[in-house]
Structures are given as structure tokens and as C-alpha cells.
C-alpha atoms as a PDB file:
ATOM      1  CA  MET A   1      -0.016  -4.234 -21.286  1.00  0.00           C
ATOM      2  CA  ARG A   2      -0.224  -4.708 -17.579  1.00  0.00           C
ATOM      3  CA  LYS A   3      -1.551  -1.789 -15.562  1.00  0.00           C
ATOM      4  CA  THR A   4       0.085  -0.874 -12.246  1.00  0.00           C
ATOM      5  CA  ILE A   5      -1.861  -0.478  -9.017  1.00  0.00           C
ATOM      6  CA  VAL A   6      -0.474   0.772  -5.800  1.00  0.00           C
ATOM      7  CA  ILE A   7      -2.148  -0.701  -2.792  1.00  0.00           C
ATOM      8  CA  VAL A   8      -1.675   1.504   0.314  1.00  0.00           C
ATOM      9  CA  GLY A   9      -1.990  -0.590   3.492  1.00  0.00           C
ATOM     10  CA  ALA A  10      -0.941  -3.794   1.647  1.00  0.00           C
ATOM     11  CA  SER A  11       0.376  -5.601   4.804  1.00  0.00           C
ATOM     12  CA  GLY A  12      -3.006  -5.409   6.619  1.00  0.00           C
ATOM     13  CA  TYR A  13      -5.665  -8.238   6.465  1.00  0.00           C
ATOM     14  CA  ILE A  14      -7.831  -6.564   3.646  1.00  0.00           C
ATOM     15  CA  GLY A  15      -4.815  -5.284   1.582  1.00  0.00           C
ATOM     16  CA  SER A  16      -3.159  -8.764   1.507  1.00  0.00           C
ATOM     17  CA  ASN A  17      -6.290 -10.435   0.436  1.00  0.00           C
ATOM     18  CA  VAL A  18      -7.098  -7.872  -2.381  1.00  0.00           C
ATOM     19  CA  MET A  19      -3.326  -8.139  -3.346  1.00  0.00           C
ATOM     20  CA  GLU A  20      -3.867 -11.848  -3.642  1.00  0.00           C
ATOM     21  CA  GLN A  21      -6.854 -11.352  -6.034  1.00  0.00           C
ATOM     22  CA  LEU A  22      -5.209  -8.702  -8.216  1.00  0.00           C
ATOM     23  CA  LYS A  23      -1.701  -9.898  -8.722  1.00  0.00           C
ATOM     24  CA  GLU A  24      -2.742 -12.148 -11.756  1.00  0.00           C
ATOM     25  CA  GLU A  25      -3.991  -9.177 -13.537  1.00  0.00           C
ATOM     26  CA  TYR A  26      -1.975  -6.124 -12.254  1.00  0.00           C
ATOM     27  CA  ASP A  27       1.591  -5.269 -11.295  1.00  0.00           C
ATOM     28  CA  ILE A  28       1.262  -4.205  -7.793  1.00  0.00           C
ATOM     29  CA  ILE A  29       3.266  -1.751  -5.582  1.00  0.00           C
ATOM     30  CA  ALA A  30       2.634  -2.653  -2.114  1.00  0.00           C
ATOM     31  CA  LEU A  31       2.947   0.240   0.450  1.00  0.00           C
ATOM     32  CA  SER A  32       3.322  -0.202   4.265  1.00  0.00           C
ATOM     33  CA  ARG A  33       4.990   1.320   6.966  1.00  0.00           C
ATOM     34  CA  SER A  34       7.279  -1.538   7.480  1.00  0.00           C
ATOM     35  CA  THR A  35       8.536  -3.983   4.792  1.00  0.00           C
ATOM     36  CA  LYS A  36      10.114  -6.175   7.404  1.00  0.00           C
ATOM     37  CA  ASN A  37       9.517  -9.757   6.728  1.00  0.00           C
ATOM     38  CA  LYS A  38       8.161  -8.910   3.243  1.00  0.00           C
ATOM     39  CA  GLU A  39       9.806 -10.023  -0.064  1.00  0.00           C
ATOM     40  CA  ASP A  40       9.023  -9.096  -3.579  1.00  0.00           C
ATOM     41  CA  GLU A  41       7.573 -11.613  -5.776  1.00  0.00           C
ATOM     42  CA  THR A  42       6.241 -11.855  -9.288  1.00  0.00           C
ATOM     43  CA  HIS A  43       4.191  -8.779 -10.101  1.00  0.00           C
ATOM     44  CA  ILE A  44       4.381  -7.473  -6.333  1.00  0.00           C
ATOM     45  CA  THR A  45       6.984  -4.871  -5.279  1.00  0.00           C
ATOM     46  CA  TRP A  46       7.008  -3.843  -1.617  1.00  0.00           C
ATOM     47  CA  ARG A  47       7.819  -0.167  -0.587  1.00  0.00           C
ATOM     48  CA  THR A  48       7.980   1.445   2.650  1.00  0.00           C
ATOM     49  CA  CYS A  49       6.289   4.764   2.789  1.00  0.00           C
ATOM     50  CA  ASP A  50       5.411   7.321   5.495  1.00  0.00           C
ATOM     51  CA  LEU A  51       1.901   8.622   4.426  1.00  0.00           C
ATOM     52  CA  PHE A  52       2.616  11.888   6.436  1.00  0.00           C
ATOM     53  CA  SER A  53       5.397  12.587   4.105  1.00  0.00           C
ATOM     54  CA  TYR A  54       3.906  14.171   0.868  1.00  0.00           C
ATOM     55  CA  GLU A  55       7.382  13.431  -0.723  1.00  0.00           C
ATOM     56  CA  GLN A  56       7.676   9.748   0.105  1.00  0.00           C
ATOM     57  CA  THR A  57       3.929   9.307  -0.917  1.00  0.00           C
ATOM     58  CA  ARG A  58       4.391  11.047  -4.212  1.00  0.00           C
ATOM     59  CA  GLU A  59       7.728   9.056  -5.075  1.00  0.00           C
ATOM     60  CA  ALA A  60       6.029   5.684  -4.054  1.00  0.00           C
ATOM     61  CA  CYS A  61       3.264   6.324  -6.415  1.00  0.00           C
ATOM     62  CA  GLU A  62       5.277   7.223  -9.479  1.00  0.00           C
ATOM     63  CA  GLY A  63       4.189   5.229 -12.586  1.00  0.00           C
ATOM     64  CA  VAL A  64       1.105   4.029 -10.999  1.00  0.00           C
ATOM     65  CA  ASP A  65      -2.202   3.778 -13.198  1.00  0.00           C
ATOM     66  CA  TYR A  66      -4.578   3.082 -10.125  1.00  0.00           C
ATOM     67  CA  ALA A  67      -4.368   3.386  -6.315  1.00  0.00           C
ATOM     68  CA  MET A  68      -6.136   1.711  -3.481  1.00  0.00           C
ATOM     69  CA  PHE A  69      -6.138   3.257  -0.038  1.00  0.00           C
ATOM     70  CA  LEU A  70      -6.812   0.649   2.636  1.00  0.00           C
ATOM     71  CA  VAL A  71      -5.450   2.558   5.819  1.00  0.00           C
ATOM     72  CA  HIS A  72      -7.575   3.117   8.657  1.00  0.00           C
ATOM     73  CA  SER A  73      -7.000   6.090  10.835  1.00  0.00           C
ATOM     74  CA  MET A  74      -7.996   4.516  14.190  1.00  0.00           C
ATOM     75  CA  ILE A  75      -4.636   3.755  15.615  1.00  0.00           C
ATOM     76  CA  PRO A  76      -4.118   6.467  18.463  1.00  0.00           C
ATOM     77  CA  ASN A  77      -0.344   6.896  17.534  1.00  0.00           C
ATOM     78  CA  GLY A  78      -1.292   7.271  13.896  1.00  0.00           C
ATOM     79  CA  GLY A  79      -1.827  11.016  14.041  1.00  0.00           C
ATOM     80  CA  LEU A  80      -5.263  10.911  12.821  1.00  0.00           C
ATOM     81  CA  THR A  81      -7.724  11.402  15.713  1.00  0.00           C
ATOM     82  CA  GLN A  82     -11.000  12.251  14.130  1.00  0.00           C
ATOM     83  CA  ALA A  83     -12.155   8.676  14.386  1.00  0.00           C
ATOM     84  CA  THR A  84     -12.897   6.023  16.895  1.00  0.00           C
ATOM     85  CA  PHE A  85     -13.657   2.369  16.852  1.00  0.00           C
END
């Protein structure tokens, strides 16, 4: 039985490359702030999620076996200001 992995930040450079490597072995839920120009494909389901919303994040991760968090906090408008480049 295939396990399901959620990849938070799937539309980024690292996330998209990780997803390509894992899609043959896992069903992937790909989370991103925006799924504009993203289409579901075999073993990949795109979901929009605001990570600052506990409820949206919880719902987006339902039925997941593993999670991979690939979102950095260095975008000034991201609301997470504890880090800098």
C-alpha cells in the first residue's frame, strides 16, 4: 500500500525536485500558497494552504503518513521575521 506524504513548499525549487523523486513511491499532497498554474497528476494532488491558519493546515494534512516542511521564513511579508539571508 502506498504511503502518503505532504510536501509543504512543493512549488519551490527544492520542493519540486523532491516531489519528482518521491512520486514513484508515494502519493503526494503538494501544499503551496498558490496552486495557480498547478495541475494534479498521477500520485500528486495540489492543495492551497495558508500555514498561518491552524485549521487550514490541519485539514490539508488529513490522511497523511509523513510530512516534509520545505518553507523558509526569510520572506519579509511572510510574517516570520526571526531570520535573515
